[in-house]
Amino acid sequence: MLKYFSLRLLALLPKLLIITIVIFIGIQLIPGDAVSRSIPPEVYSKLSPVQLEELRTALGLNDPVVIQYFRWLFNIIRGDFGYSQVTGGNIAEIIARRLPATLELVALGLLLATVFGLLLGFISALKKNTLIDYVNTAVGMIGLSMPEFFLGLCCIVIFALKLKWFPAGGRMEPGKEAFFDRFHYLILPSFCLGFTYIATLMRFTRGAMLDVLNKDYIRTARSKGLSEVKVNIKHGFRNALIPVMVILIFRIPMLFGGAVVIENAFNYPGMGSMLVNAATSADMPIIMITTMIIAAVILLSSFLLDFVTALLDPRVVFSSRKEG
């Protein structure tokens, strides 16, 4: 199995390479170049053609596109992501400051969504057509229909401005960088980020559990005298998790997409707000690197799905060993 997953992981490299080519070509098709996008229009209009040509030569923009691409790719492999065209800051240093904030937000949102989504879906399936099931279904419909940005604004108004239970935005207070000192800054944005995910997981878990509970092997387990707890958890919930894992893992990239909205609503200094600022100011190097990171997350999610499915389903493990 180790050989199989090693090969699957290596298979991600050519896919990532193709993504880098697509991203680079897409950026090349955008009107203008690094010089025109990084200099204010009033300054750009005053530069002579000779000065503009010198700037393009210094930036390597007169080299063939293939050389520009491989120069950019080799720099990324070395950890040199280049510099922002707007601020002039080192992109690697900017990401090093921003990425941990987004990872904290997404991780806590994913944890809340996974725990409450699976738990509420499991309870709804066992309490089918009861008041608990109806309430959970109603909450799920609200979660699926309410935009994340609107939910964030509602939480800010109610819990931050009115009740003053949580901060209205930001990530930490000056001088308080320990995780538990800034944990209360994470609660509202992570809840808003994971709320839609909770609703999705709850509905899929409920449906998967109801399907499994009607299987013949569940009736067989009950006829053997097994307790309801053992039947529902070991034989029911474990088998219901297999299709739910597909939804859970493949929606991880959507959490990063939702982080863009939530970070801007809460003025949270993460990758999402950085991407919006870069798009607003046409900071193409940052846009390219951020897009690359998002693509890598999507590819890793696909790999993680294979891994988790193999752990949950013994038949997949057996098939993997034969293929490896």
C-alpha atoms as a PDB file:
ATOM      1  CA  MET A   1       0.000   0.000   0.000  1.00  0.00           C
ATOM      2  CA  LEU A   2       2.907   2.349   0.727  1.00  0.00           C
ATOM      3  CA  LYS A   3       4.194   1.889  -2.824  1.00  0.00           C
ATOM      4  CA  TYR A   4       0.738   2.577  -4.241  1.00  0.00           C
ATOM      5  CA  PHE A   5       0.327   5.855  -2.354  1.00  0.00           C
ATOM      6  CA  SER A   6       3.908   6.897  -3.179  1.00  0.00           C
ATOM      7  CA  LEU A   7       3.127   6.488  -6.869  1.00  0.00           C
ATOM      8  CA  ARG A   8      -0.137   8.408  -6.469  1.00  0.00           C
ATOM      9  CA  LEU A   9       1.720  11.227  -4.759  1.00  0.00           C
ATOM     10  CA  LEU A  10       4.330  11.355  -7.525  1.00  0.00           C
ATOM     11  CA  ALA A  11       1.534  11.417 -10.096  1.00  0.00           C
ATOM     12  CA  LEU A  12       0.498  14.798  -8.714  1.00  0.00           C
ATOM     13  CA  LEU A  13       3.713  16.428  -9.947  1.00  0.00           C
ATOM     14  CA  PRO A  14       2.928  16.425 -13.702  1.00  0.00           C
ATOM     15  CA  LYS A  15      -0.582  17.688 -12.930  1.00  0.00           C
ATOM     16  CA  LEU A  16       0.868  20.536 -10.904  1.00  0.00           C
ATOM     17  CA  LEU A  17       3.326  21.267 -13.712  1.00  0.00           C
ATOM     18  CA  ILE A  18       0.467  21.537 -16.215  1.00  0.00           C
ATOM     19  CA  ILE A  19      -1.346  23.896 -13.842  1.00  0.00           C
ATOM     20  CA  THR A  20       1.733  26.143 -13.643  1.00  0.00           C
ATOM     21  CA  ILE A  21       1.865  26.297 -17.445  1.00  0.00           C
ATOM     22  CA  VAL A  22      -1.823  27.221 -17.672  1.00  0.00           C
ATOM     23  CA  ILE A  23      -1.426  29.902 -14.991  1.00  0.00           C
ATOM     24  CA  PHE A  24       1.645  31.376 -16.653  1.00  0.00           C
ATOM     25  CA  ILE A  25       0.032  31.455 -20.102  1.00  0.00           C
ATOM     26  CA  GLY A  26      -3.108  33.031 -18.672  1.00  0.00           C
ATOM     27  CA  ILE A  27      -1.086  35.809 -17.086  1.00  0.00           C
ATOM     28  CA  GLN A  28       0.745  36.392 -20.376  1.00  0.00           C
ATOM     29  CA  LEU A  29      -2.587  36.926 -22.134  1.00  0.00           C
ATOM     30  CA  ILE A  30      -3.535  39.771 -19.797  1.00  0.00           C
ATOM     31  CA  PRO A  31      -3.030  43.176 -21.487  1.00  0.00           C
ATOM     32  CA  GLY A  32       0.143  44.997 -20.453  1.00  0.00           C
ATOM     33  CA  ASP A  33       3.232  43.632 -18.740  1.00  0.00           C
ATOM     34  CA  ALA A  34       4.985  43.816 -15.387  1.00  0.00           C
ATOM     35  CA  VAL A  35       6.216  47.345 -16.126  1.00  0.00           C
ATOM     36  CA  SER A  36       2.836  48.830 -17.040  1.00  0.00           C
ATOM     37  CA  ARG A  37       1.083  47.062 -14.145  1.00  0.00           C
ATOM     38  CA  SER A  38       3.587  48.059 -11.468  1.00  0.00           C
ATOM     39  CA  ILE A  39       4.020  51.753 -12.307  1.00  0.00           C
ATOM     40  CA  PRO A  40       1.297  54.370 -11.719  1.00  0.00           C
ATOM     41  CA  PRO A  41      -0.226  55.614 -14.995  1.00  0.00           C
ATOM     42  CA  GLU A  42       0.955  59.181 -14.429  1.00  0.00           C
ATOM     43  CA  VAL A  43       4.543  57.981 -13.964  1.00  0.00           C
ATOM     44  CA  TYR A  44       4.332  55.459 -16.820  1.00  0.00           C
ATOM     45  CA  SER A  45       3.206  58.152 -19.269  1.00  0.00           C
ATOM     46  CA  LYS A  46       6.298  60.238 -18.504  1.00  0.00           C
ATOM     47  CA  LEU A  47       8.827  57.481 -19.206  1.00  0.00           C
ATOM     48  CA  SER A  48      10.571  57.529 -22.544  1.00  0.00           C
ATOM     49  CA  PRO A  49      10.559  54.458 -24.816  1.00  0.00           C
ATOM     50  CA  VAL A  50      14.241  53.939 -24.009  1.00  0.00           C
ATOM     51  CA  GLN A  51      13.562  53.899 -20.265  1.00  0.00           C
ATOM     52  CA  LEU A  52      10.657  51.494 -20.716  1.00  0.00           C
ATOM     53  CA  GLU A  53      12.818  49.193 -22.804  1.00  0.00           C
ATOM     54  CA  GLU A  54      15.560  49.241 -20.166  1.00  0.00           C
ATOM     55  CA  LEU A  55      13.026  48.321 -17.491  1.00  0.00           C
ATOM     56  CA  ARG A  56      11.660  45.440 -19.566  1.00  0.00           C
ATOM     57  CA  THR A  57      15.176  44.168 -20.224  1.00  0.00           C
ATOM     58  CA  ALA A  58      16.056  44.363 -16.536  1.00  0.00           C
ATOM     59  CA  LEU A  59      12.937  42.364 -15.645  1.00  0.00           C
ATOM     60  CA  GLY A  60      13.640  39.761 -18.350  1.00  0.00           C
ATOM     61  CA  LEU A  61      10.441  40.577 -20.233  1.00  0.00           C
ATOM     62  CA  ASN A  62      12.233  40.632 -23.571  1.00  0.00           C
ATOM     63  CA  ASP A  63      13.328  37.006 -23.204  1.00  0.00           C
ATOM     64  CA  PRO A  64      11.338  34.257 -24.966  1.00  0.00           C
ATOM     65  CA  VAL A  65       8.219  33.168 -23.105  1.00  0.00           C
ATOM     66  CA  VAL A  66       9.637  29.665 -22.539  1.00  0.00           C
ATOM     67  CA  ILE A  67      12.720  31.093 -20.829  1.00  0.00           C
ATOM     68  CA  GLN A  68      10.541  33.373 -18.701  1.00  0.00           C
ATOM     69  CA  TYR A  69       8.408  30.409 -17.630  1.00  0.00           C
ATOM     70  CA  PHE A  70      11.305  28.156 -16.635  1.00  0.00           C
ATOM     71  CA  ARG A  71      13.027  31.029 -14.846  1.00  0.00           C
ATOM     72  CA  TRP A  72       9.840  31.599 -12.863  1.00  0.00           C
ATOM     73  CA  LEU A  73       9.384  27.854 -12.197  1.00  0.00           C
ATOM     74  CA  PHE A  74      12.980  27.246 -11.043  1.00  0.00           C
ATOM     75  CA  ASN A  75      12.769  30.267  -8.759  1.00  0.00           C
ATOM     76  CA  ILE A  76       9.616  28.794  -7.175  1.00  0.00           C
ATOM     77  CA  ILE A  77      11.330  25.441  -6.644  1.00  0.00           C
ATOM     78  CA  ARG A  78      14.156  27.267  -4.850  1.00  0.00           C
ATOM     79  CA  GLY A  79      11.621  29.065  -2.672  1.00  0.00           C
ATOM     80  CA  ASP A  80      12.093  32.396  -4.449  1.00  0.00           C
ATOM     81  CA  PHE A  81       8.556  33.558  -5.223  1.00  0.00           C
ATOM     82  CA  GLY A  82       9.653  36.973  -6.419  1.00  0.00           C
ATOM     83  CA  TYR A  83       8.466  40.367  -5.276  1.00  0.00           C
ATOM     84  CA  SER A  84       5.163  42.175  -5.198  1.00  0.00           C
ATOM     85  CA  GLN A  85       4.733  44.589  -8.097  1.00  0.00           C
ATOM     86  CA  VAL A  86       2.769  46.968  -5.878  1.00  0.00           C
ATOM     87  CA  THR A  87       4.539  46.997  -2.500  1.00  0.00           C
ATOM     88  CA  GLY A  88       7.904  45.575  -3.537  1.00  0.00           C
ATOM     89  CA  GLY A  89       7.773  43.119  -0.625  1.00  0.00           C
ATOM     90  CA  ASN A  90       9.179  39.603  -0.788  1.00  0.00           C
ATOM     91  CA  ILE A  91       6.245  37.296  -1.644  1.00  0.00           C
ATOM     92  CA  ALA A  92       7.701  34.365   0.318  1.00  0.00           C
ATOM     93  CA  GLU A  93       7.852  36.522   3.444  1.00  0.00           C
ATOM     94  CA  ILE A  94       4.322  37.840   2.850  1.00  0.00           C
ATOM     95  CA  ILE A  95       2.967  34.285   2.506  1.00  0.00           C
ATOM     96  CA  ALA A  96       4.936  33.166   5.585  1.00  0.00           C
ATOM     97  CA  ARG A  97       3.035  35.794   7.577  1.00  0.00           C
ATOM     98  CA  ARG A  98      -0.357  35.237   5.985  1.00  0.00           C
ATOM     99  CA  LEU A  99      -0.575  31.476   5.409  1.00  0.00           C
ATOM    100  CA  PRO A 100      -0.523  30.411   9.107  1.00  0.00           C
ATOM    101  CA  ALA A 101      -3.476  32.722   9.780  1.00  0.00           C
ATOM    102  CA  THR A 102      -5.539  31.161   6.995  1.00  0.00           C
ATOM    103  CA  LEU A 103      -4.540  27.631   7.996  1.00  0.00           C
ATOM    104  CA  GLU A 104      -5.710  28.310  11.562  1.00  0.00           C
ATOM    105  CA  LEU A 105      -9.014  29.667  10.308  1.00  0.00           C
ATOM    106  CA  VAL A 106      -9.635  26.823   7.850  1.00  0.00           C
ATOM    107  CA  ALA A 107      -8.508  24.124  10.306  1.00  0.00           C
ATOM    108  CA  LEU A 108     -10.851  25.326  13.053  1.00  0.00           C
ATOM    109  CA  GLY A 109     -13.701  25.791  10.573  1.00  0.00           C
ATOM    110  CA  LEU A 110     -13.123  22.273   9.242  1.00  0.00           C
ATOM    111  CA  LEU A 111     -12.995  20.840  12.774  1.00  0.00           C
ATOM    112  CA  LEU A 112     -16.266  22.514  13.774  1.00  0.00           C
ATOM    113  CA  ALA A 113     -17.943  21.485  10.530  1.00  0.00           C
ATOM    114  CA  THR A 114     -16.765  17.873  10.755  1.00  0.00           C
ATOM    115  CA  VAL A 115     -17.714  17.341  14.396  1.00  0.00           C
ATOM    116  CA  PHE A 116     -21.111  19.036  14.299  1.00  0.00           C
ATOM    117  CA  GLY A 117     -21.987  17.998  10.738  1.00  0.00           C
ATOM    118  CA  LEU A 118     -21.349  14.299  11.363  1.00  0.00           C
ATOM    119  CA  LEU A 119     -22.900  14.365  14.829  1.00  0.00           C
ATOM    120  CA  LEU A 120     -26.091  16.169  13.806  1.00  0.00           C
ATOM    121  CA  GLY A 121     -26.462  14.018  10.699  1.00  0.00           C
ATOM    122  CA  PHE A 122     -26.013  10.844  12.755  1.00  0.00           C
ATOM    123  CA  ILE A 123     -28.607  11.976  15.306  1.00  0.00           C
ATOM    124  CA  SER A 124     -31.066  13.042  12.585  1.00  0.00           C
ATOM    125  CA  ALA A 125     -30.852   9.619  10.962  1.00  0.00           C
ATOM    126  CA  LEU A 126     -31.515   7.816  14.249  1.00  0.00           C
ATOM    127  CA  LYS A 127     -34.348  10.244  15.123  1.00  0.00           C
ATOM    128  CA  LYS A 128     -35.910  10.268  11.668  1.00  0.00           C
ATOM    129  CA  ASN A 129     -39.176  12.240  11.362  1.00  0.00           C
ATOM    130  CA  THR A 130     -38.970  13.581  14.911  1.00  0.00           C
ATOM    131  CA  LEU A 131     -38.720  17.172  16.166  1.00  0.00           C
ATOM    132  CA  ILE A 132     -34.919  16.863  16.368  1.00  0.00           C
ATOM    133  CA  ASP A 133     -34.758  15.761  12.744  1.00  0.00           C
ATOM    134  CA  TYR A 134     -37.020  18.608  11.600  1.00  0.00           C
ATOM    135  CA  VAL A 135     -34.987  21.216  13.499  1.00  0.00           C
ATOM    136  CA  ASN A 136     -31.699  19.921  12.100  1.00  0.00           C
ATOM    137  CA  THR A 137     -33.153  19.895   8.582  1.00  0.00           C
ATOM    138  CA  ALA A 138     -34.326  23.495   8.989  1.00  0.00           C
ATOM    139  CA  VAL A 139     -30.904  24.577  10.240  1.00  0.00           C
ATOM    140  CA  GLY A 140     -29.333  22.765   7.310  1.00  0.00           C
ATOM    141  CA  MET A 141     -31.530  24.598   4.810  1.00  0.00           C
ATOM    142  CA  ILE A 142     -30.624  27.927   6.387  1.00  0.00           C
ATOM    143  CA  GLY A 143     -26.943  27.051   6.255  1.00  0.00           C
ATOM    144  CA  LEU A 144     -27.091  26.105   2.578  1.00  0.00           C
ATOM    145  CA  SER A 145     -29.064  29.187   1.537  1.00  0.00           C
ATOM    146  CA  MET A 146     -27.367  31.922   3.580  1.00  0.00           C
ATOM    147  CA  PRO A 147     -24.306  33.579   1.944  1.00  0.00           C
ATOM    148  CA  GLU A 148     -21.173  33.468   4.060  1.00  0.00           C
ATOM    149  CA  PHE A 149     -20.630  37.213   3.797  1.00  0.00           C
ATOM    150  CA  PHE A 150     -24.153  37.962   5.073  1.00  0.00           C
ATOM    151  CA  LEU A 151     -23.738  35.477   7.914  1.00  0.00           C
ATOM    152  CA  GLY A 152     -20.444  37.136   8.838  1.00  0.00           C
ATOM    153  CA  LEU A 153     -22.044  40.586   8.956  1.00  0.00           C
ATOM    154  CA  CYS A 154     -24.913  39.257  11.101  1.00  0.00           C
ATOM    155  CA  CYS A 155     -22.481  37.677  13.556  1.00  0.00           C
ATOM    156  CA  ILE A 156     -20.442  40.872  13.745  1.00  0.00           C
ATOM    157  CA  VAL A 157     -23.526  42.986  14.472  1.00  0.00           C
ATOM    158  CA  ILE A 158     -25.026  40.586  17.046  1.00  0.00           C
ATOM    159  CA  PHE A 159     -22.071  39.006  18.853  1.00  0.00           C
ATOM    160  CA  ALA A 160     -19.410  41.700  18.441  1.00  0.00           C
ATOM    161  CA  LEU A 161     -21.185  45.070  18.353  1.00  0.00           C
ATOM    162  CA  LYS A 162     -24.342  44.359  20.370  1.00  0.00           C
ATOM    163  CA  LEU A 163     -23.359  41.659  22.874  1.00  0.00           C
ATOM    164  CA  LYS A 164     -19.599  42.413  22.738  1.00  0.00           C
ATOM    165  CA  TRP A 165     -18.733  38.753  23.279  1.00  0.00           C
ATOM    166  CA  PHE A 166     -16.123  38.606  20.523  1.00  0.00           C
ATOM    167  CA  PRO A 167     -13.909  41.035  18.603  1.00  0.00           C
ATOM    168  CA  ALA A 168     -15.393  42.477  15.426  1.00  0.00           C
ATOM    169  CA  GLY A 169     -12.290  41.750  13.386  1.00  0.00           C
ATOM    170  CA  GLY A 170      -8.534  41.310  13.287  1.00  0.00           C
ATOM    171  CA  ARG A 171      -6.436  38.386  14.433  1.00  0.00           C
ATOM    172  CA  MET A 172      -4.735  39.384  17.693  1.00  0.00           C
ATOM    173  CA  GLU A 173      -4.022  42.174  20.114  1.00  0.00           C
ATOM    174  CA  PRO A 174      -0.576  43.825  19.981  1.00  0.00           C
ATOM    175  CA  GLY A 175       1.930  41.827  22.015  1.00  0.00           C
ATOM    176  CA  LYS A 176      -0.394  38.834  22.470  1.00  0.00           C
ATOM    177  CA  GLU A 177       0.665  36.311  19.844  1.00  0.00           C
ATOM    178  CA  ALA A 178       0.124  33.046  21.769  1.00  0.00           C
ATOM    179  CA  PHE A 179      -2.609  30.860  20.269  1.00  0.00           C
ATOM    180  CA  PHE A 180      -4.916  30.899  23.303  1.00  0.00           C
ATOM    181  CA  ASP A 181      -4.458  34.670  23.687  1.00  0.00           C
ATOM    182  CA  ARG A 182      -5.913  35.185  20.202  1.00  0.00           C
ATOM    183  CA  PHE A 183      -8.273  32.197  20.118  1.00  0.00           C
ATOM    184  CA  HIS A 184     -11.336  34.384  20.704  1.00  0.00           C
ATOM    185  CA  TYR A 185     -10.530  36.203  17.456  1.00  0.00           C
ATOM    186  CA  LEU A 186     -10.951  32.906  15.598  1.00  0.00           C
ATOM    187  CA  ILE A 187     -14.320  31.824  16.978  1.00  0.00           C
ATOM    188  CA  LEU A 188     -16.671  34.016  14.938  1.00  0.00           C
ATOM    189  CA  PRO A 189     -14.910  33.796  11.551  1.00  0.00           C
ATOM    190  CA  SER A 190     -14.320  30.043  11.853  1.00  0.00           C
ATOM    191  CA  PHE A 191     -17.979  29.470  12.781  1.00  0.00           C
ATOM    192  CA  CYS A 192     -19.144  31.532   9.796  1.00  0.00           C
ATOM    193  CA  LEU A 193     -16.710  29.689   7.544  1.00  0.00           C
ATOM    194  CA  GLY A 194     -17.822  26.251   8.704  1.00  0.00           C
ATOM    195  CA  PHE A 195     -21.573  26.870   9.022  1.00  0.00           C
ATOM    196  CA  THR A 196     -22.424  26.051   5.404  1.00  0.00           C
ATOM    197  CA  TYR A 197     -20.098  23.062   5.602  1.00  0.00           C
ATOM    198  CA  ILE A 198     -21.921  21.843   8.734  1.00  0.00           C
ATOM    199  CA  ALA A 199     -25.229  21.944   6.868  1.00  0.00           C
ATOM    200  CA  THR A 200     -23.802  20.061   3.879  1.00  0.00           C
ATOM    201  CA  LEU A 201     -22.178  17.321   5.961  1.00  0.00           C
ATOM    202  CA  MET A 202     -25.257  16.943   8.124  1.00  0.00           C
ATOM    203  CA  ARG A 203     -27.523  16.342   5.123  1.00  0.00           C
ATOM    204  CA  PHE A 204     -25.144  13.886   3.465  1.00  0.00           C
ATOM    205  CA  THR A 205     -24.468  12.037   6.736  1.00  0.00           C
ATOM    206  CA  ARG A 206     -28.182  11.724   7.411  1.00  0.00           C
ATOM    207  CA  GLY A 207     -28.840  10.358   3.930  1.00  0.00           C
ATOM    208  CA  ALA A 208     -25.904   7.943   4.048  1.00  0.00           C
ATOM    209  CA  MET A 209     -26.901   6.653   7.494  1.00  0.00           C
ATOM    210  CA  LEU A 210     -30.517   6.081   6.461  1.00  0.00           C
ATOM    211  CA  ASP A 211     -29.323   4.169   3.416  1.00  0.00           C
ATOM    212  CA  VAL A 212     -26.952   2.003   5.467  1.00  0.00           C
ATOM    213  CA  LEU A 213     -29.500   1.298   8.209  1.00  0.00           C
ATOM    214  CA  ASN A 214     -31.760  -0.303   5.587  1.00  0.00           C
ATOM    215  CA  LYS A 215     -29.087  -2.751   4.419  1.00  0.00           C
ATOM    216  CA  ASP A 216     -29.373  -6.480   4.992  1.00  0.00           C
ATOM    217  CA  TYR A 217     -26.190  -6.722   7.055  1.00  0.00           C
ATOM    218  CA  ILE A 218     -27.658  -4.255   9.582  1.00  0.00           C
ATOM    219  CA  ARG A 219     -30.689  -6.530  10.008  1.00  0.00           C
ATOM    220  CA  THR A 220     -28.336  -9.500  10.330  1.00  0.00           C
ATOM    221  CA  ALA A 221     -26.306  -7.712  13.009  1.00  0.00           C
ATOM    222  CA  ARG A 222     -29.469  -6.961  14.986  1.00  0.00           C
ATOM    223  CA  SER A 223     -30.689 -10.547  14.622  1.00  0.00           C
ATOM    224  CA  LYS A 224     -27.438 -11.750  16.188  1.00  0.00           C
ATOM    225  CA  GLY A 225     -28.289  -9.815  19.333  1.00  0.00           C
ATOM    226  CA  LEU A 226     -25.752  -6.986  18.968  1.00  0.00           C
ATOM    227  CA  SER A 227     -26.526  -3.856  20.935  1.00  0.00           C
ATOM    228  CA  GLU A 228     -28.036  -0.868  19.120  1.00  0.00           C
ATOM    229  CA  VAL A 229     -24.965   1.219  19.954  1.00  0.00           C
ATOM    230  CA  LYS A 230     -22.647  -1.297  18.326  1.00  0.00           C
ATOM    231  CA  VAL A 231     -24.926  -1.751  15.322  1.00  0.00           C
ATOM    232  CA  ASN A 232     -25.365   1.975  14.753  1.00  0.00           C
ATOM    233  CA  ILE A 233     -21.736   2.995  15.254  1.00  0.00           C
ATOM    234  CA  LYS A 234     -19.594   0.047  14.168  1.00  0.00           C
ATOM    235  CA  HIS A 235     -21.726  -1.318  11.359  1.00  0.00           C
ATOM    236  CA  GLY A 236     -23.794   1.720  10.437  1.00  0.00           C
ATOM    237  CA  PHE A 237     -21.780   4.886  10.972  1.00  0.00           C
ATOM    238  CA  ARG A 238     -18.466   3.464   9.761  1.00  0.00           C
ATOM    239  CA  ASN A 239     -19.954   2.331   6.443  1.00  0.00           C
ATOM    240  CA  ALA A 240     -21.883   5.588   6.074  1.00  0.00           C
ATOM    241  CA  LEU A 241     -18.615   7.534   6.450  1.00  0.00           C
ATOM    242  CA  ILE A 242     -17.204   6.227   3.161  1.00  0.00           C
ATOM    243  CA  PRO A 243     -19.444   8.305   0.829  1.00  0.00           C
ATOM    244  CA  VAL A 244     -19.444  11.192   3.306  1.00  0.00           C
ATOM    245  CA  MET A 245     -15.621  11.318   3.172  1.00  0.00           C
ATOM    246  CA  VAL A 246     -15.855  12.122  -0.531  1.00  0.00           C
ATOM    247  CA  ILE A 247     -17.915  15.222   0.260  1.00  0.00           C
ATOM    248  CA  LEU A 248     -15.832  16.160   3.289  1.00  0.00           C
ATOM    249  CA  ILE A 249     -12.436  16.042   1.609  1.00  0.00           C
ATOM    250  CA  PHE A 250     -13.399  17.433  -1.777  1.00  0.00           C
ATOM    251  CA  ARG A 251     -15.001  20.425  -0.069  1.00  0.00           C
ATOM    252  CA  ILE A 252     -11.780  21.363   1.713  1.00  0.00           C
ATOM    253  CA  PRO A 253     -10.735  23.609  -1.207  1.00  0.00           C
ATOM    254  CA  MET A 254     -14.121  25.323  -0.894  1.00  0.00           C
ATOM    255  CA  LEU A 255     -13.179  26.273   2.661  1.00  0.00           C
ATOM    256  CA  PHE A 256     -10.168  28.126   1.281  1.00  0.00           C
ATOM    257  CA  GLY A 257     -12.499  29.828  -1.181  1.00  0.00           C
ATOM    258  CA  GLY A 258     -14.850  30.743   1.636  1.00  0.00           C
ATOM    259  CA  ALA A 259     -11.898  32.070   3.617  1.00  0.00           C
ATOM    260  CA  VAL A 260     -11.506  34.790   0.967  1.00  0.00           C
ATOM    261  CA  VAL A 261     -14.994  36.082   1.814  1.00  0.00           C
ATOM    262  CA  ILE A 262     -14.775  35.621   5.578  1.00  0.00           C
ATOM    263  CA  GLU A 263     -11.321  37.181   5.907  1.00  0.00           C
ATOM    264  CA  ASN A 264     -12.518  40.314   4.155  1.00  0.00           C
ATOM    265  CA  ALA A 265     -15.688  40.474   6.257  1.00  0.00           C
ATOM    266  CA  PHE A 266     -13.719  40.216   9.510  1.00  0.00           C
ATOM    267  CA  ASN A 267     -10.636  42.128   8.315  1.00  0.00           C
ATOM    268  CA  TYR A 268      -8.642  38.974   9.034  1.00  0.00           C
ATOM    269  CA  PRO A 269      -5.017  39.149   7.767  1.00  0.00           C
ATOM    270  CA  GLY A 270      -4.800  35.876   5.858  1.00  0.00           C
ATOM    271  CA  MET A 271      -4.263  34.598   2.331  1.00  0.00           C
ATOM    272  CA  GLY A 272      -7.837  35.411   1.299  1.00  0.00           C
ATOM    273  CA  SER A 273      -7.612  39.121   2.050  1.00  0.00           C
ATOM    274  CA  MET A 274      -4.162  39.163   0.447  1.00  0.00           C
ATOM    275  CA  LEU A 275      -5.591  37.673  -2.755  1.00  0.00           C
ATOM    276  CA  VAL A 276      -8.401  40.241  -2.897  1.00  0.00           C
ATOM    277  CA  ASN A 277      -5.931  43.094  -2.402  1.00  0.00           C
ATOM    278  CA  ALA A 278      -3.663  41.641  -5.101  1.00  0.00           C
ATOM    279  CA  ALA A 279      -6.561  41.298  -7.545  1.00  0.00           C
ATOM    280  CA  THR A 280      -7.712  44.860  -6.848  1.00  0.00           C
ATOM    281  CA  SER A 281      -4.237  46.277  -7.489  1.00  0.00           C
ATOM    282  CA  ALA A 282      -3.408  43.827 -10.353  1.00  0.00           C
ATOM    283  CA  ASP A 283      -0.434  42.442  -8.413  1.00  0.00           C
ATOM    284  CA  MET A 284       0.148  39.525 -10.802  1.00  0.00           C
ATOM    285  CA  PRO A 285       3.087  37.773  -9.047  1.00  0.00           C
ATOM    286  CA  ILE A 286       1.019  37.373  -5.869  1.00  0.00           C
ATOM    287  CA  ILE A 287      -2.030  36.228  -7.855  1.00  0.00           C
ATOM    288  CA  MET A 288       0.057  33.593  -9.655  1.00  0.00           C
ATOM    289  CA  ILE A 289       1.607  32.209  -6.472  1.00  0.00           C
ATOM    290  CA  THR A 290      -1.713  32.189  -4.597  1.00  0.00           C
ATOM    291  CA  THR A 291      -3.425  30.384  -7.471  1.00  0.00           C
ATOM    292  CA  MET A 292      -0.612  27.829  -7.419  1.00  0.00           C
ATOM    293  CA  ILE A 293      -1.145  27.196  -3.705  1.00  0.00           C
ATOM    294  CA  ILE A 294      -4.900  26.755  -4.197  1.00  0.00           C
ATOM    295  CA  ALA A 295      -4.265  24.265  -7.023  1.00  0.00           C
ATOM    296  CA  ALA A 296      -1.842  22.326  -4.824  1.00  0.00           C
ATOM    297  CA  VAL A 297      -4.474  22.149  -2.064  1.00  0.00           C
ATOM    298  CA  ILE A 298      -7.029  20.730  -4.527  1.00  0.00           C
ATOM    299  CA  LEU A 299      -4.575  18.078  -5.755  1.00  0.00           C
ATOM    300  CA  LEU A 300      -3.606  17.109  -2.209  1.00  0.00           C
ATOM    301  CA  SER A 301      -7.298  16.817  -1.321  1.00  0.00           C
ATOM    302  CA  SER A 302      -7.695  14.267  -4.100  1.00  0.00           C
ATOM    303  CA  PHE A 303      -4.735  12.293  -2.751  1.00  0.00           C
ATOM    304  CA  LEU A 304      -6.076  12.531   0.801  1.00  0.00           C
ATOM    305  CA  LEU A 305      -9.415  11.158  -0.359  1.00  0.00           C
ATOM    306  CA  ASP A 306      -7.744   7.988  -1.683  1.00  0.00           C
ATOM    307  CA  PHE A 307      -5.809   7.587   1.553  1.00  0.00           C
ATOM    308  CA  VAL A 308      -8.776   8.026   3.902  1.00  0.00           C
ATOM    309  CA  THR A 309     -11.025   5.809   1.777  1.00  0.00           C
ATOM    310  CA  ALA A 310      -8.437   3.030   1.946  1.00  0.00           C
ATOM    311  CA  LEU A 311      -8.375   3.312   5.742  1.00  0.00           C
ATOM    312  CA  LEU A 312     -12.155   3.111   6.017  1.00  0.00           C
ATOM    313  CA  ASP A 313     -12.832   0.423   3.408  1.00  0.00           C
ATOM    314  CA  PRO A 314     -10.737  -2.774   3.689  1.00  0.00           C
ATOM    315  CA  ARG A 315     -11.589  -3.696   0.085  1.00  0.00           C
ATOM    316  CA  VAL A 316      -9.837  -0.562  -1.177  1.00  0.00           C
ATOM    317  CA  VAL A 317      -6.742  -1.403   0.856  1.00  0.00           C
ATOM    318  CA  PHE A 318      -6.668  -4.922  -0.563  1.00  0.00           C
ATOM    319  CA  SER A 319      -7.081  -3.574  -4.117  1.00  0.00           C
ATOM    320  CA  SER A 320      -4.333  -1.006  -3.520  1.00  0.00           C
ATOM    321  CA  ARG A 321      -1.912  -3.661  -2.354  1.00  0.00           C
ATOM    322  CA  LYS A 322      -2.538  -5.703  -5.449  1.00  0.00           C
ATOM    323  CA  GLU A 323      -1.957  -2.656  -7.672  1.00  0.00           C
ATOM    324  CA  GLY A 324       1.180  -1.677  -5.727  1.00  0.00           C
END
